[in-house]
Amino acid sequence: LPAKVESEIVEAHARLCGADSDAPLAVRSSATSE
């Protein structure tokens, strides 16, 4: 991934998971045409 894209995702992941960095997540496609 481009560095800026990856860094923002890493930061958002940390905020969403909080103290539990391994909190289970769902990762789901969201196409503009769907």
All heavy atoms as atom14 arrays in JSON, in Angstrom:
{
  "sequence": "LPAKVESEIVEAHARLCGADSDAPLAVRSSATSE",
  "atom14_mask": [
    [1, 1, 1, 1, 1, 1, 1, 1, 0, 0, 0, 0, 0, 0],
    [1, 1, 1, 1, 1, 1, 1, 0, 0, 0, 0, 0, 0, 0],
    [1, 1, 1, 1, 1, 0, 0, 0, 0, 0, 0, 0, 0, 0],
    [1, 1, 1, 1, 1, 1, 1, 1, 1, 0, 0, 0, 0, 0],
    [1, 1, 1, 1, 1, 1, 1, 0, 0, 0, 0, 0, 0, 0],
    [1, 1, 1, 1, 1, 1, 1, 1, 1, 0, 0, 0, 0, 0],
    [1, 1, 1, 1, 1, 1, 0, 0, 0, 0, 0, 0, 0, 0],
    [1, 1, 1, 1, 1, 1, 1, 1, 1, 0, 0, 0, 0, 0],
    [1, 1, 1, 1, 1, 1, 1, 1, 0, 0, 0, 0, 0, 0],
    [1, 1, 1, 1, 1, 1, 1, 0, 0, 0, 0, 0, 0, 0],
    [1, 1, 1, 1, 1, 1, 1, 1, 1, 0, 0, 0, 0, 0],
    [1, 1, 1, 1, 1, 0, 0, 0, 0, 0, 0, 0, 0, 0],
    [1, 1, 1, 1, 1, 1, 1, 1, 1, 1, 0, 0, 0, 0],
    [1, 1, 1, 1, 1, 0, 0, 0, 0, 0, 0, 0, 0, 0],
    [1, 1, 1, 1, 1, 1, 1, 1, 1, 1, 1, 0, 0, 0],
    [1, 1, 1, 1, 1, 1, 1, 1, 0, 0, 0, 0, 0, 0],
    [1, 1, 1, 1, 1, 1, 0, 0, 0, 0, 0, 0, 0, 0],
    [1, 1, 1, 1, 0, 0, 0, 0, 0, 0, 0, 0, 0, 0],
    [1, 1, 1, 1, 1, 0, 0, 0, 0, 0, 0, 0, 0, 0],
    [1, 1, 1, 1, 1, 1, 1, 1, 0, 0, 0, 0, 0, 0],
    [1, 1, 1, 1, 1, 1, 0, 0, 0, 0, 0, 0, 0, 0],
    [1, 1, 1, 1, 1, 1, 1, 1, 0, 0, 0, 0, 0, 0],
    [1, 1, 1, 1, 1, 0, 0, 0, 0, 0, 0, 0, 0, 0],
    [1, 1, 1, 1, 1, 1, 1, 0, 0, 0, 0, 0, 0, 0],
    [1, 1, 1, 1, 1, 1, 1, 1, 0, 0, 0, 0, 0, 0],
    [1, 1, 1, 1, 1, 0, 0, 0, 0, 0, 0, 0, 0, 0],
    [1, 1, 1, 1, 1, 1, 1, 0, 0, 0, 0, 0, 0, 0],
    [1, 1, 1, 1, 1, 1, 1, 1, 1, 1, 1, 0, 0, 0],
    [1, 1, 1, 1, 1, 1, 0, 0, 0, 0, 0, 0, 0, 0],
    [1, 1, 1, 1, 1, 1, 0, 0, 0, 0, 0, 0, 0, 0],
    [1, 1, 1, 1, 1, 0, 0, 0, 0, 0, 0, 0, 0, 0],
    [1, 1, 1, 1, 1, 1, 1, 0, 0, 0, 0, 0, 0, 0],
    [1, 1, 1, 1, 1, 1, 0, 0, 0, 0, 0, 0, 0, 0],
    [1, 1, 1, 1, 1, 1, 1, 1, 1, 0, 0, 0, 0, 0]
  ],
  "atom14_positions": [
    [[0.83, -1.19, 0.0], [0.0, 0.0, 0.0], [0.87, 1.25, 0.0], [1.97, 1.25, 0.59], [-0.9, 0.02, 1.24], [-1.9, -1.1, 1.4], [-2.7, -0.91, 2.69], [-2.84, -1.19, 0.22], [0.0, 0.0, 0.0], [0.0, 0.0, 0.0], [0.0, 0.0, 0.0], [0.0, 0.0, 0.0], [0.0, 0.0, 0.0], [0.0, 0.0, 0.0]],
    [[0.41, 2.32, -0.62], [1.12, 3.6, -0.47], [1.24, 3.97, 1.01], [0.32, 3.7, 1.79], [0.23, 4.58, -1.23], [-0.52, 3.74, -2.22], [-0.74, 2.43, -1.53], [0.0, 0.0, 0.0], [0.0, 0.0, 0.0], [0.0, 0.0, 0.0], [0.0, 0.0, 0.0], [0.0, 0.0, 0.0], [0.0, 0.0, 0.0], [0.0, 0.0, 0.0]],
    [[2.34, 4.56, 1.4], [2.64, 4.8, 2.82], [1.54, 5.61, 3.5], [1.16, 5.3, 4.64], [3.98, 5.52, 2.94], [0.0, 0.0, 0.0], [0.0, 0.0, 0.0], [0.0, 0.0, 0.0], [0.0, 0.0, 0.0], [0.0, 0.0, 0.0], [0.0, 0.0, 0.0], [0.0, 0.0, 0.0], [0.0, 0.0, 0.0], [0.0, 0.0, 0.0]],
    [[1.01, 6.63, 2.85], [-0.02, 7.47, 3.47], [-1.3, 6.69, 3.69], [-1.95, 6.81, 4.74], [-0.29, 8.68, 2.58], [-1.35, 9.63, 3.11], [-0.95, 10.28, 4.41], [-1.95, 11.36, 4.8], [-1.7, 11.88, 6.17], [0.0, 0.0, 0.0], [0.0, 0.0, 0.0], [0.0, 0.0, 0.0], [0.0, 0.0, 0.0], [0.0, 0.0, 0.0]],
    [[-1.69, 5.86, 2.73], [-2.89, 5.04, 2.88], [-2.72, 4.08, 4.05], [-3.58, 3.97, 4.93], [-3.18, 4.26, 1.58], [-4.34, 3.29, 1.79], [-3.5, 5.23, 0.44], [0.0, 0.0, 0.0], [0.0, 0.0, 0.0], [0.0, 0.0, 0.0], [0.0, 0.0, 0.0], [0.0, 0.0, 0.0], [0.0, 0.0, 0.0], [0.0, 0.0, 0.0]],
    [[-1.59, 3.39, 4.09], [-1.37, 2.4, 5.15], [-1.35, 3.06, 6.52], [-1.94, 2.53, 7.48], [-0.07, 1.65, 4.9], [0.22, 0.6, 5.97], [1.36, -0.32, 5.61], [1.6, -0.55, 4.41], [2.01, -0.83, 6.56], [0.0, 0.0, 0.0], [0.0, 0.0, 0.0], [0.0, 0.0, 0.0], [0.0, 0.0, 0.0], [0.0, 0.0, 0.0]],
    [[-0.69, 4.2, 6.65], [-0.57, 4.82, 7.96], [-1.93, 5.26, 8.5], [-2.21, 5.14, 9.7], [0.38, 6.03, 7.9], [-0.16, 7.07, 7.1], [0.0, 0.0, 0.0], [0.0, 0.0, 0.0], [0.0, 0.0, 0.0], [0.0, 0.0, 0.0], [0.0, 0.0, 0.0], [0.0, 0.0, 0.0], [0.0, 0.0, 0.0], [0.0, 0.0, 0.0]],
    [[-2.8, 5.74, 7.63], [-4.13, 6.16, 8.09], [-4.99, 4.96, 8.49], [-5.78, 5.04, 9.43], [-4.82, 7.01, 7.03], [-4.15, 8.35, 6.82], [-5.04, 9.36, 6.12], [-6.27, 9.11, 5.98], [-4.51, 10.41, 5.71], [0.0, 0.0, 0.0], [0.0, 0.0, 0.0], [0.0, 0.0, 0.0], [0.0, 0.0, 0.0], [0.0, 0.0, 0.0]],
    [[-4.86, 3.86, 7.78], [-5.6, 2.65, 8.15], [-5.1, 2.12, 9.49], [-5.89, 1.73, 10.35], [-5.48, 1.58, 7.05], [-6.12, 2.07, 5.76], [-6.12, 0.27, 7.52], [-5.83, 1.18, 4.57], [0.0, 0.0, 0.0], [0.0, 0.0, 0.0], [0.0, 0.0, 0.0], [0.0, 0.0, 0.0], [0.0, 0.0, 0.0], [0.0, 0.0, 0.0]],
    [[-3.79, 2.11, 9.69], [-3.22, 1.63, 10.95], [-3.72, 2.49, 12.11], [-4.09, 1.97, 13.17], [-1.67, 1.65, 10.87], [-1.06, 1.4, 12.25], [-1.19, 0.61, 9.88], [0.0, 0.0, 0.0], [0.0, 0.0, 0.0], [0.0, 0.0, 0.0], [0.0, 0.0, 0.0], [0.0, 0.0, 0.0], [0.0, 0.0, 0.0], [0.0, 0.0, 0.0]],
    [[-3.77, 3.8, 11.92], [-4.25, 4.7, 12.97], [-5.73, 4.45, 13.26], [-6.15, 4.38, 14.42], [-4.04, 6.15, 12.55], [-4.55, 7.15, 13.59], [-4.42, 8.59, 13.14], [-3.78, 8.83, 12.08], [-4.95, 9.48, 13.82], [0.0, 0.0, 0.0], [0.0, 0.0, 0.0], [0.0, 0.0, 0.0], [0.0, 0.0, 0.0], [0.0, 0.0, 0.0]],
    [[-6.54, 4.31, 12.21], [-7.97, 4.07, 12.39], [-8.21, 2.73, 13.08], [-9.09, 2.6, 13.95], [-8.69, 4.12, 11.05], [0.0, 0.0, 0.0], [0.0, 0.0, 0.0], [0.0, 0.0, 0.0], [0.0, 0.0, 0.0], [0.0, 0.0, 0.0], [0.0, 0.0, 0.0], [0.0, 0.0, 0.0], [0.0, 0.0, 0.0], [0.0, 0.0, 0.0]],
    [[-7.43, 1.72, 12.7], [-7.56, 0.4, 13.34], [-7.3, 0.51, 14.84], [-8.04, -0.06, 15.66], [-6.58, -0.57, 12.68], [-6.62, -1.95, 13.24], [-5.92, -2.32, 14.38], [-7.27, -3.08, 12.83], [-6.14, -3.59, 14.64], [-6.95, -4.08, 13.72], [0.0, 0.0, 0.0], [0.0, 0.0, 0.0], [0.0, 0.0, 0.0], [0.0, 0.0, 0.0]],
    [[-6.28, 1.25, 15.22], [-5.94, 1.41, 16.64], [-7.07, 2.11, 17.39], [-7.4, 1.73, 18.52], [-4.64, 2.19, 16.78], [0.0, 0.0, 0.0], [0.0, 0.0, 0.0], [0.0, 0.0, 0.0], [0.0, 0.0, 0.0], [0.0, 0.0, 0.0], [0.0, 0.0, 0.0], [0.0, 0.0, 0.0], [0.0, 0.0, 0.0], [0.0, 0.0, 0.0]],
    [[-7.67, 3.1, 16.78], [-8.77, 3.83, 17.44], [-10.0, 2.96, 17.58], [-10.7, 3.01, 18.59], [-9.09, 5.1, 16.65], [-7.99, 6.14, 16.67], [-8.35, 7.34, 15.83], [-9.53, 8.01, 16.34], [-10.16, 9.0, 15.69], [-9.71, 9.39, 14.5], [-11.22, 9.56, 16.21], [0.0, 0.0, 0.0], [0.0, 0.0, 0.0], [0.0, 0.0, 0.0]],
    [[-10.29, 2.15, 16.55], [-11.47, 1.31, 16.61], [-11.31, 0.21, 17.66], [-12.24, -0.1, 18.4], [-11.73, 0.68, 15.23], [-12.93, -0.27, 15.12], [-14.24, 0.46, 15.44], [-13.01, -0.88, 13.73], [0.0, 0.0, 0.0], [0.0, 0.0, 0.0], [0.0, 0.0, 0.0], [0.0, 0.0, 0.0], [0.0, 0.0, 0.0], [0.0, 0.0, 0.0]],
    [[-10.13, -0.39, 17.72], [-9.92, -1.52, 18.63], [-9.63, -1.08, 20.06], [-9.83, -1.86, 21.0], [-8.77, -2.38, 18.12], [-9.14, -3.22, 16.57], [0.0, 0.0, 0.0], [0.0, 0.0, 0.0], [0.0, 0.0, 0.0], [0.0, 0.0, 0.0], [0.0, 0.0, 0.0], [0.0, 0.0, 0.0], [0.0, 0.0, 0.0], [0.0, 0.0, 0.0]],
    [[-9.15, 0.13, 20.25], [-8.87, 0.61, 21.59], [-7.76, -0.19, 22.25], [-6.74, -0.51, 21.64], [0.0, 0.0, 0.0], [0.0, 0.0, 0.0], [0.0, 0.0, 0.0], [0.0, 0.0, 0.0], [0.0, 0.0, 0.0], [0.0, 0.0, 0.0], [0.0, 0.0, 0.0], [0.0, 0.0, 0.0], [0.0, 0.0, 0.0], [0.0, 0.0, 0.0]],
    [[-7.99, -0.55, 23.53], [-6.96, -1.25, 24.3], [-6.7, -2.66, 23.79], [-5.64, -3.23, 24.02], [-7.35, -1.28, 25.77], [0.0, 0.0, 0.0], [0.0, 0.0, 0.0], [0.0, 0.0, 0.0], [0.0, 0.0, 0.0], [0.0, 0.0, 0.0], [0.0, 0.0, 0.0], [0.0, 0.0, 0.0], [0.0, 0.0, 0.0], [0.0, 0.0, 0.0]],
    [[-7.69, -3.24, 23.09], [-7.55, -4.6, 22.57], [-7.18, -4.55, 21.1], [-8.03, -4.53, 20.22], [-8.86, -5.38, 22.77], [-8.75, -6.83, 22.32], [-7.64, -7.25, 21.93], [-9.78, -7.54, 22.35], [0.0, 0.0, 0.0], [0.0, 0.0, 0.0], [0.0, 0.0, 0.0], [0.0, 0.0, 0.0], [0.0, 0.0, 0.0], [0.0, 0.0, 0.0]],
    [[-5.89, -4.54, 20.81], [-5.43, -4.38, 19.43], [-5.78, -5.58, 18.56], [-5.74, -5.49, 17.33], [-3.92, -4.17, 19.39], [-3.24, -5.28, 19.96], [0.0, 0.0, 0.0], [0.0, 0.0, 0.0], [0.0, 0.0, 0.0], [0.0, 0.0, 0.0], [0.0, 0.0, 0.0], [0.0, 0.0, 0.0], [0.0, 0.0, 0.0], [0.0, 0.0, 0.0]],
    [[-6.14, -6.71, 19.2], [-6.53, -7.9, 18.45], [-8.04, -8.13, 18.48], [-8.5, -9.25, 18.23], [-5.82, -9.14, 19.01], [-4.37, -9.21, 18.57], [-4.04, -8.66, 17.51], [-3.56, -9.82, 19.3], [0.0, 0.0, 0.0], [0.0, 0.0, 0.0], [0.0, 0.0, 0.0], [0.0, 0.0, 0.0], [0.0, 0.0, 0.0], [0.0, 0.0, 0.0]],
    [[-8.8, -7.1, 18.77], [-10.26, -7.24, 18.78], [-10.73, -7.74, 17.42], [-10.26, -7.27, 16.38], [-10.92, -5.9, 19.1], [0.0, 0.0, 0.0], [0.0, 0.0, 0.0], [0.0, 0.0, 0.0], [0.0, 0.0, 0.0], [0.0, 0.0, 0.0], [0.0, 0.0, 0.0], [0.0, 0.0, 0.0], [0.0, 0.0, 0.0], [0.0, 0.0, 0.0]],
    [[-11.66, -8.71, 17.4], [-12.1, -9.27, 16.11], [-12.9, -8.25, 15.3], [-13.75, -7.54, 15.84], [-12.96, -10.46, 16.52], [-13.42, -10.14, 17.9], [-12.32, -9.36, 18.54], [0.0, 0.0, 0.0], [0.0, 0.0, 0.0], [0.0, 0.0, 0.0], [0.0, 0.0, 0.0], [0.0, 0.0, 0.0], [0.0, 0.0, 0.0], [0.0, 0.0, 0.0]],
    [[-12.62, -8.22, 14.01], [-13.26, -7.27, 13.11], [-13.87, -8.01, 11.92], [-13.45, -9.12, 11.58], [-12.25, -6.24, 12.6], [-11.49, -5.44, 13.65], [-10.46, -4.54, 12.96], [-12.44, -4.6, 14.49], [0.0, 0.0, 0.0], [0.0, 0.0, 0.0], [0.0, 0.0, 0.0], [0.0, 0.0, 0.0], [0.0, 0.0, 0.0], [0.0, 0.0, 0.0]],
    [[-14.83, -7.36, 11.29], [-15.33, -7.79, 9.98], [-14.79, -6.81, 8.95], [-14.86, -5.6, 9.14], [-16.86, -7.8, 9.97], [0.0, 0.0, 0.0], [0.0, 0.0, 0.0], [0.0, 0.0, 0.0], [0.0, 0.0, 0.0], [0.0, 0.0, 0.0], [0.0, 0.0, 0.0], [0.0, 0.0, 0.0], [0.0, 0.0, 0.0], [0.0, 0.0, 0.0]],
    [[-14.23, -7.33, 7.87], [-13.7, -6.51, 6.79], [-14.52, -6.84, 5.55], [-14.51, -7.98, 5.07], [-12.2, -6.77, 6.56], [-11.66, -5.87, 5.46], [-11.43, -6.55, 7.85], [0.0, 0.0, 0.0], [0.0, 0.0, 0.0], [0.0, 0.0, 0.0], [0.0, 0.0, 0.0], [0.0, 0.0, 0.0], [0.0, 0.0, 0.0], [0.0, 0.0, 0.0]],
    [[-15.24, -5.84, 5.01], [-16.3, -6.12, 4.04], [-16.19, -5.2, 2.82], [-16.03, -3.98, 2.95], [-17.68, -5.92, 4.7], [-17.81, -6.6, 6.04], [-19.07, -6.2, 6.78], [-20.27, -6.67, 6.12], [-21.49, -6.22, 6.42], [-21.65, -5.28, 7.33], [-22.54, -6.7, 5.79], [0.0, 0.0, 0.0], [0.0, 0.0, 0.0], [0.0, 0.0, 0.0]],
    [[-16.27, -5.77, 1.65], [-16.22, -4.99, 0.41], [-17.42, -4.05, 0.33], [-18.52, -4.37, 0.76], [-16.24, -5.92, -0.8], [-15.13, -6.79, -0.78], [0.0, 0.0, 0.0], [0.0, 0.0, 0.0], [0.0, 0.0, 0.0], [0.0, 0.0, 0.0], [0.0, 0.0, 0.0], [0.0, 0.0, 0.0], [0.0, 0.0, 0.0], [0.0, 0.0, 0.0]],
    [[-17.18, -2.88, -0.26], [-18.25, -1.88, -0.42], [-18.03, -1.15, -1.74], [-17.55, -0.01, -1.78], [-18.22, -0.89, 0.76], [-19.24, 0.08, 0.65], [0.0, 0.0, 0.0], [0.0, 0.0, 0.0], [0.0, 0.0, 0.0], [0.0, 0.0, 0.0], [0.0, 0.0, 0.0], [0.0, 0.0, 0.0], [0.0, 0.0, 0.0], [0.0, 0.0, 0.0]],
    [[-18.42, -1.8, -2.83], [-18.2, -1.22, -4.16], [-19.2, -0.1, -4.43], [-20.33, -0.11, -3.95], [-18.33, -2.3, -5.23], [0.0, 0.0, 0.0], [0.0, 0.0, 0.0], [0.0, 0.0, 0.0], [0.0, 0.0, 0.0], [0.0, 0.0, 0.0], [0.0, 0.0, 0.0], [0.0, 0.0, 0.0], [0.0, 0.0, 0.0], [0.0, 0.0, 0.0]],
    [[-18.79, 0.87, -5.22], [-19.67, 1.99, -5.55], [-20.86, 1.55, -6.37], [-21.9, 2.2, -6.38], [-18.9, 3.07, -6.33], [-18.28, 2.46, -7.48], [-17.83, 3.7, -5.47], [0.0, 0.0, 0.0], [0.0, 0.0, 0.0], [0.0, 0.0, 0.0], [0.0, 0.0, 0.0], [0.0, 0.0, 0.0], [0.0, 0.0, 0.0], [0.0, 0.0, 0.0]],
    [[-20.73, 0.43, -7.08], [-21.79, -0.04, -7.97], [-22.75, -1.01, -7.29], [-23.67, -1.51, -7.93], [-21.17, -0.72, -9.2], [-20.22, -1.69, -8.8], [0.0, 0.0, 0.0], [0.0, 0.0, 0.0], [0.0, 0.0, 0.0], [0.0, 0.0, 0.0], [0.0, 0.0, 0.0], [0.0, 0.0, 0.0], [0.0, 0.0, 0.0], [0.0, 0.0, 0.0]],
    [[-22.56, -1.31, -6.01], [-23.35, -2.35, -5.37], [-24.56, -1.8, -4.65], [-24.62, -0.63, -4.29], [-22.5, -3.15, -4.38], [-22.2, -2.44, -3.08], [-21.36, -3.29, -2.13], [-20.88, -4.35, -2.55], [-21.17, -2.87, -1.0], [0.0, 0.0, 0.0], [0.0, 0.0, 0.0], [0.0, 0.0, 0.0], [0.0, 0.0, 0.0], [0.0, 0.0, 0.0]]
  ]
}
